[in-house]
Amino acid sequence: MQYSMGGQLGPEQLSSRLANPHCVETPIVAEVDNGIVGFASLCLVPRVFDDTPHAELTELFVQKAYRRRGIGRALVAHAERLACEGGATELFVLTGFTNHEAQSLYHAIGYEDDRLAMCKALLGE
């Protein structure tokens, strides 16, 4: 499986990123019949002015054929457990305004609209 928000990501690139000693993301995979059908990524980082780390679910993907089977919920629940074990008291999720399927899942498992996230492209326009 190749996945990247910015295009194709091969196994070598993914391995290199995960081997980076500065990596603060923990990948979580869902397997069915020895094949990966979904994944999530938990970013857990310390903060300078707060005793609790910042926890963010940075990726959540389940192959279309495996959706509505509880796999996404299980991936999020595992990320929540890891975040709690790491000392976080909240887990943040960013998703697109038009990603209604993801928003429905997050609302169904107890997530609420909370803060406004803003973004600015840094390289070129």
C-alpha atoms as a PDB file:
ATOM      1  CA  MET A   1       0.000   0.000   0.000  1.00  0.00           C
ATOM      2  CA  GLN A   2       1.292   3.428  -0.884  1.00  0.00           C
ATOM      3  CA  TYR A   3      -0.182   6.486   0.777  1.00  0.00           C
ATOM      4  CA  SER A   4       0.795  10.090   1.071  1.00  0.00           C
ATOM      5  CA  MET A   5      -1.185  13.301   1.187  1.00  0.00           C
ATOM      6  CA  GLY A   6       1.354  14.770  -1.203  1.00  0.00           C
ATOM      7  CA  GLY A   7       1.607  11.868  -3.643  1.00  0.00           C
ATOM      8  CA  GLN A   8       3.032   8.357  -3.677  1.00  0.00           C
ATOM      9  CA  LEU A   9       5.139   7.164  -0.771  1.00  0.00           C
ATOM     10  CA  GLY A  10       7.172   4.020  -1.256  1.00  0.00           C
ATOM     11  CA  PRO A  11       8.333   1.520   1.369  1.00  0.00           C
ATOM     12  CA  GLU A  12      11.894   2.858   1.320  1.00  0.00           C
ATOM     13  CA  GLN A  13      10.759   6.434   2.017  1.00  0.00           C
ATOM     14  CA  LEU A  14       8.429   5.285   4.788  1.00  0.00           C
ATOM     15  CA  SER A  15      11.161   3.157   6.402  1.00  0.00           C
ATOM     16  CA  SER A  16      13.597   6.067   6.260  1.00  0.00           C
ATOM     17  CA  ARG A  17      11.103   8.428   7.903  1.00  0.00           C
ATOM     18  CA  LEU A  18      10.271   5.954  10.672  1.00  0.00           C
ATOM     19  CA  ALA A  19      13.980   5.286  11.348  1.00  0.00           C
ATOM     20  CA  ASN A  20      14.645   8.982  11.914  1.00  0.00           C
ATOM     21  CA  PRO A  21      15.782   9.349  15.573  1.00  0.00           C
ATOM     22  CA  HIS A  22      13.829  12.625  15.780  1.00  0.00           C
ATOM     23  CA  CYS A  23      10.586  10.957  14.736  1.00  0.00           C
ATOM     24  CA  VAL A  24       7.811  11.674  17.235  1.00  0.00           C
ATOM     25  CA  GLU A  25       5.066   9.762  15.447  1.00  0.00           C
ATOM     26  CA  THR A  26       3.981   6.255  16.300  1.00  0.00           C
ATOM     27  CA  PRO A  27       2.457   4.295  13.412  1.00  0.00           C
ATOM     28  CA  ILE A  28      -0.452   1.962  14.178  1.00  0.00           C
ATOM     29  CA  VAL A  29      -1.653  -0.579  11.627  1.00  0.00           C
ATOM     30  CA  ALA A  30      -4.775  -2.675  11.269  1.00  0.00           C
ATOM     31  CA  GLU A  31      -4.326  -6.096   9.683  1.00  0.00           C
ATOM     32  CA  VAL A  32      -6.904  -8.514   8.307  1.00  0.00           C
ATOM     33  CA  ASP A  33      -5.774 -11.881   6.955  1.00  0.00           C
ATOM     34  CA  ASN A  34      -2.103 -10.797   7.111  1.00  0.00           C
ATOM     35  CA  GLY A  35      -2.737  -7.692   5.023  1.00  0.00           C
ATOM     36  CA  ILE A  36      -2.722  -4.074   6.145  1.00  0.00           C
ATOM     37  CA  VAL A  37      -6.200  -2.599   5.700  1.00  0.00           C
ATOM     38  CA  GLY A  38      -5.785   0.600   7.679  1.00  0.00           C
ATOM     39  CA  PHE A  39      -3.410   2.742   9.655  1.00  0.00           C
ATOM     40  CA  ALA A  40      -3.222   5.633  12.069  1.00  0.00           C
ATOM     41  CA  SER A  41      -0.406   7.767  13.362  1.00  0.00           C
ATOM     42  CA  LEU A  42      -0.053   9.293  16.801  1.00  0.00           C
ATOM     43  CA  CYS A  43       2.152  12.348  17.241  1.00  0.00           C
ATOM     44  CA  LEU A  44       3.108  12.779  20.907  1.00  0.00           C
ATOM     45  CA  VAL A  45       5.475  15.643  21.711  1.00  0.00           C
ATOM     46  CA  PRO A  46       6.560  17.419  24.889  1.00  0.00           C
ATOM     47  CA  ARG A  47       5.657  21.072  25.375  1.00  0.00           C
ATOM     48  CA  VAL A  48       7.899  23.803  26.718  1.00  0.00           C
ATOM     49  CA  PHE A  49       5.340  25.573  28.914  1.00  0.00           C
ATOM     50  CA  ASP A  50       3.048  22.687  29.860  1.00  0.00           C
ATOM     51  CA  ASP A  51       3.713  19.509  31.826  1.00  0.00           C
ATOM     52  CA  THR A  52       1.474  17.389  29.607  1.00  0.00           C
ATOM     53  CA  PRO A  53       2.577  16.464  26.088  1.00  0.00           C
ATOM     54  CA  HIS A  54       0.634  17.452  22.977  1.00  0.00           C
ATOM     55  CA  ALA A  55      -1.066  14.438  21.383  1.00  0.00           C
ATOM     56  CA  GLU A  56      -2.465  14.510  17.876  1.00  0.00           C
ATOM     57  CA  LEU A  57      -3.903  11.840  15.619  1.00  0.00           C
ATOM     58  CA  THR A  58      -2.131  12.869  12.425  1.00  0.00           C
ATOM     59  CA  GLU A  59      -3.322  10.095  10.131  1.00  0.00           C
ATOM     60  CA  LEU A  60      -6.309   7.765   9.974  1.00  0.00           C
ATOM     61  CA  PHE A  61      -7.070   5.668   6.934  1.00  0.00           C
ATOM     62  CA  VAL A  62      -9.072   2.501   6.369  1.00  0.00           C
ATOM     63  CA  GLN A  63      -9.420   0.911   2.935  1.00  0.00           C
ATOM     64  CA  LYS A  64     -12.926   1.477   1.578  1.00  0.00           C
ATOM     65  CA  ALA A  65     -13.782  -2.253   1.504  1.00  0.00           C
ATOM     66  CA  TYR A  66     -13.051  -2.501   5.260  1.00  0.00           C
ATOM     67  CA  ARG A  67     -14.893   0.573   6.474  1.00  0.00           C
ATOM     68  CA  ARG A  68     -17.897   0.387   8.833  1.00  0.00           C
ATOM     69  CA  ARG A  69     -16.426  -2.669  10.578  1.00  0.00           C
ATOM     70  CA  GLY A  70     -15.005  -0.917  13.644  1.00  0.00           C
ATOM     71  CA  ILE A  71     -11.441  -0.761  12.321  1.00  0.00           C
ATOM     72  CA  GLY A  72     -11.238   3.050  12.410  1.00  0.00           C
ATOM     73  CA  ARG A  73     -12.669   3.070  15.935  1.00  0.00           C
ATOM     74  CA  ALA A  74     -10.129   0.467  17.043  1.00  0.00           C
ATOM     75  CA  LEU A  75      -7.240   2.452  15.549  1.00  0.00           C
ATOM     76  CA  VAL A  76      -8.375   5.636  17.299  1.00  0.00           C
ATOM     77  CA  ALA A  77      -8.910   3.769  20.598  1.00  0.00           C
ATOM     78  CA  HIS A  78      -5.367   2.389  20.409  1.00  0.00           C
ATOM     79  CA  ALA A  79      -3.976   5.868  19.688  1.00  0.00           C
ATOM     80  CA  GLU A  80      -5.923   7.198  22.677  1.00  0.00           C
ATOM     81  CA  ARG A  81      -4.434   4.506  24.938  1.00  0.00           C
ATOM     82  CA  LEU A  82      -0.911   5.301  23.747  1.00  0.00           C
ATOM     83  CA  ALA A  83      -1.496   9.027  24.268  1.00  0.00           C
ATOM     84  CA  CYS A  84      -2.752   8.421  27.826  1.00  0.00           C
ATOM     85  CA  GLU A  85       0.201   6.149  28.590  1.00  0.00           C
ATOM     86  CA  GLY A  86       2.478   8.928  27.298  1.00  0.00           C
ATOM     87  CA  GLY A  87       0.969  11.441  29.723  1.00  0.00           C
ATOM     88  CA  ALA A  88      -1.393  13.326  27.408  1.00  0.00           C
ATOM     89  CA  THR A  89      -4.763  14.442  28.721  1.00  0.00           C
ATOM     90  CA  GLU A  90      -6.365  15.233  25.339  1.00  0.00           C
ATOM     91  CA  LEU A  91      -6.044  13.968  21.789  1.00  0.00           C
ATOM     92  CA  PHE A  92      -6.400  16.441  18.939  1.00  0.00           C
ATOM     93  CA  VAL A  93      -7.656  15.540  15.470  1.00  0.00           C
ATOM     94  CA  LEU A  94      -7.564  17.748  12.394  1.00  0.00           C
ATOM     95  CA  THR A  95      -9.747  16.852   9.432  1.00  0.00           C
ATOM     96  CA  GLY A  96     -11.026  18.617   6.360  1.00  0.00           C
ATOM     97  CA  PHE A  97     -14.163  20.750   6.458  1.00  0.00           C
ATOM     98  CA  THR A  98     -15.720  18.577   3.750  1.00  0.00           C
ATOM     99  CA  ASN A  99     -14.556  15.206   5.121  1.00  0.00           C
ATOM    100  CA  HIS A 100     -18.002  14.412   6.531  1.00  0.00           C
ATOM    101  CA  GLU A 101     -17.321  10.678   6.804  1.00  0.00           C
ATOM    102  CA  ALA A 102     -14.354  11.274   9.124  1.00  0.00           C
ATOM    103  CA  GLN A 103     -16.207  13.946  11.083  1.00  0.00           C
ATOM    104  CA  SER A 104     -19.103  11.528  11.630  1.00  0.00           C
ATOM    105  CA  LEU A 105     -16.728   8.890  12.983  1.00  0.00           C
ATOM    106  CA  TYR A 106     -14.999  11.321  15.331  1.00  0.00           C
ATOM    107  CA  HIS A 107     -18.303  12.707  16.639  1.00  0.00           C
ATOM    108  CA  ALA A 108     -19.673   9.174  17.123  1.00  0.00           C
ATOM    109  CA  ILE A 109     -16.737   8.260  19.371  1.00  0.00           C
ATOM    110  CA  GLY A 110     -16.961  11.372  21.516  1.00  0.00           C
ATOM    111  CA  TYR A 111     -14.882  14.037  19.773  1.00  0.00           C
ATOM    112  CA  GLU A 112     -16.261  17.577  19.764  1.00  0.00           C
ATOM    113  CA  ASP A 113     -15.550  20.662  17.702  1.00  0.00           C
ATOM    114  CA  ASP A 114     -13.139  22.588  19.900  1.00  0.00           C
ATOM    115  CA  ARG A 115     -10.672  25.036  18.420  1.00  0.00           C
ATOM    116  CA  LEU A 116     -10.093  26.708  15.114  1.00  0.00           C
ATOM    117  CA  ALA A 117      -7.009  25.459  13.274  1.00  0.00           C
ATOM    118  CA  MET A 118      -5.398  27.803  10.798  1.00  0.00           C
ATOM    119  CA  CYS A 119      -2.812  27.066   8.122  1.00  0.00           C
ATOM    120  CA  LYS A 120      -0.465  28.994   5.881  1.00  0.00           C
ATOM    121  CA  ALA A 121       1.593  27.577   3.028  1.00  0.00           C
ATOM    122  CA  LEU A 122       5.262  28.377   3.638  1.00  0.00           C
ATOM    123  CA  LEU A 123       6.811  27.490   0.294  1.00  0.00           C
ATOM    124  CA  GLY A 124       5.490  29.496  -2.616  1.00  0.00           C
ATOM    125  CA  GLU A 125       1.905  30.272  -3.381  1.00  0.00           C
END
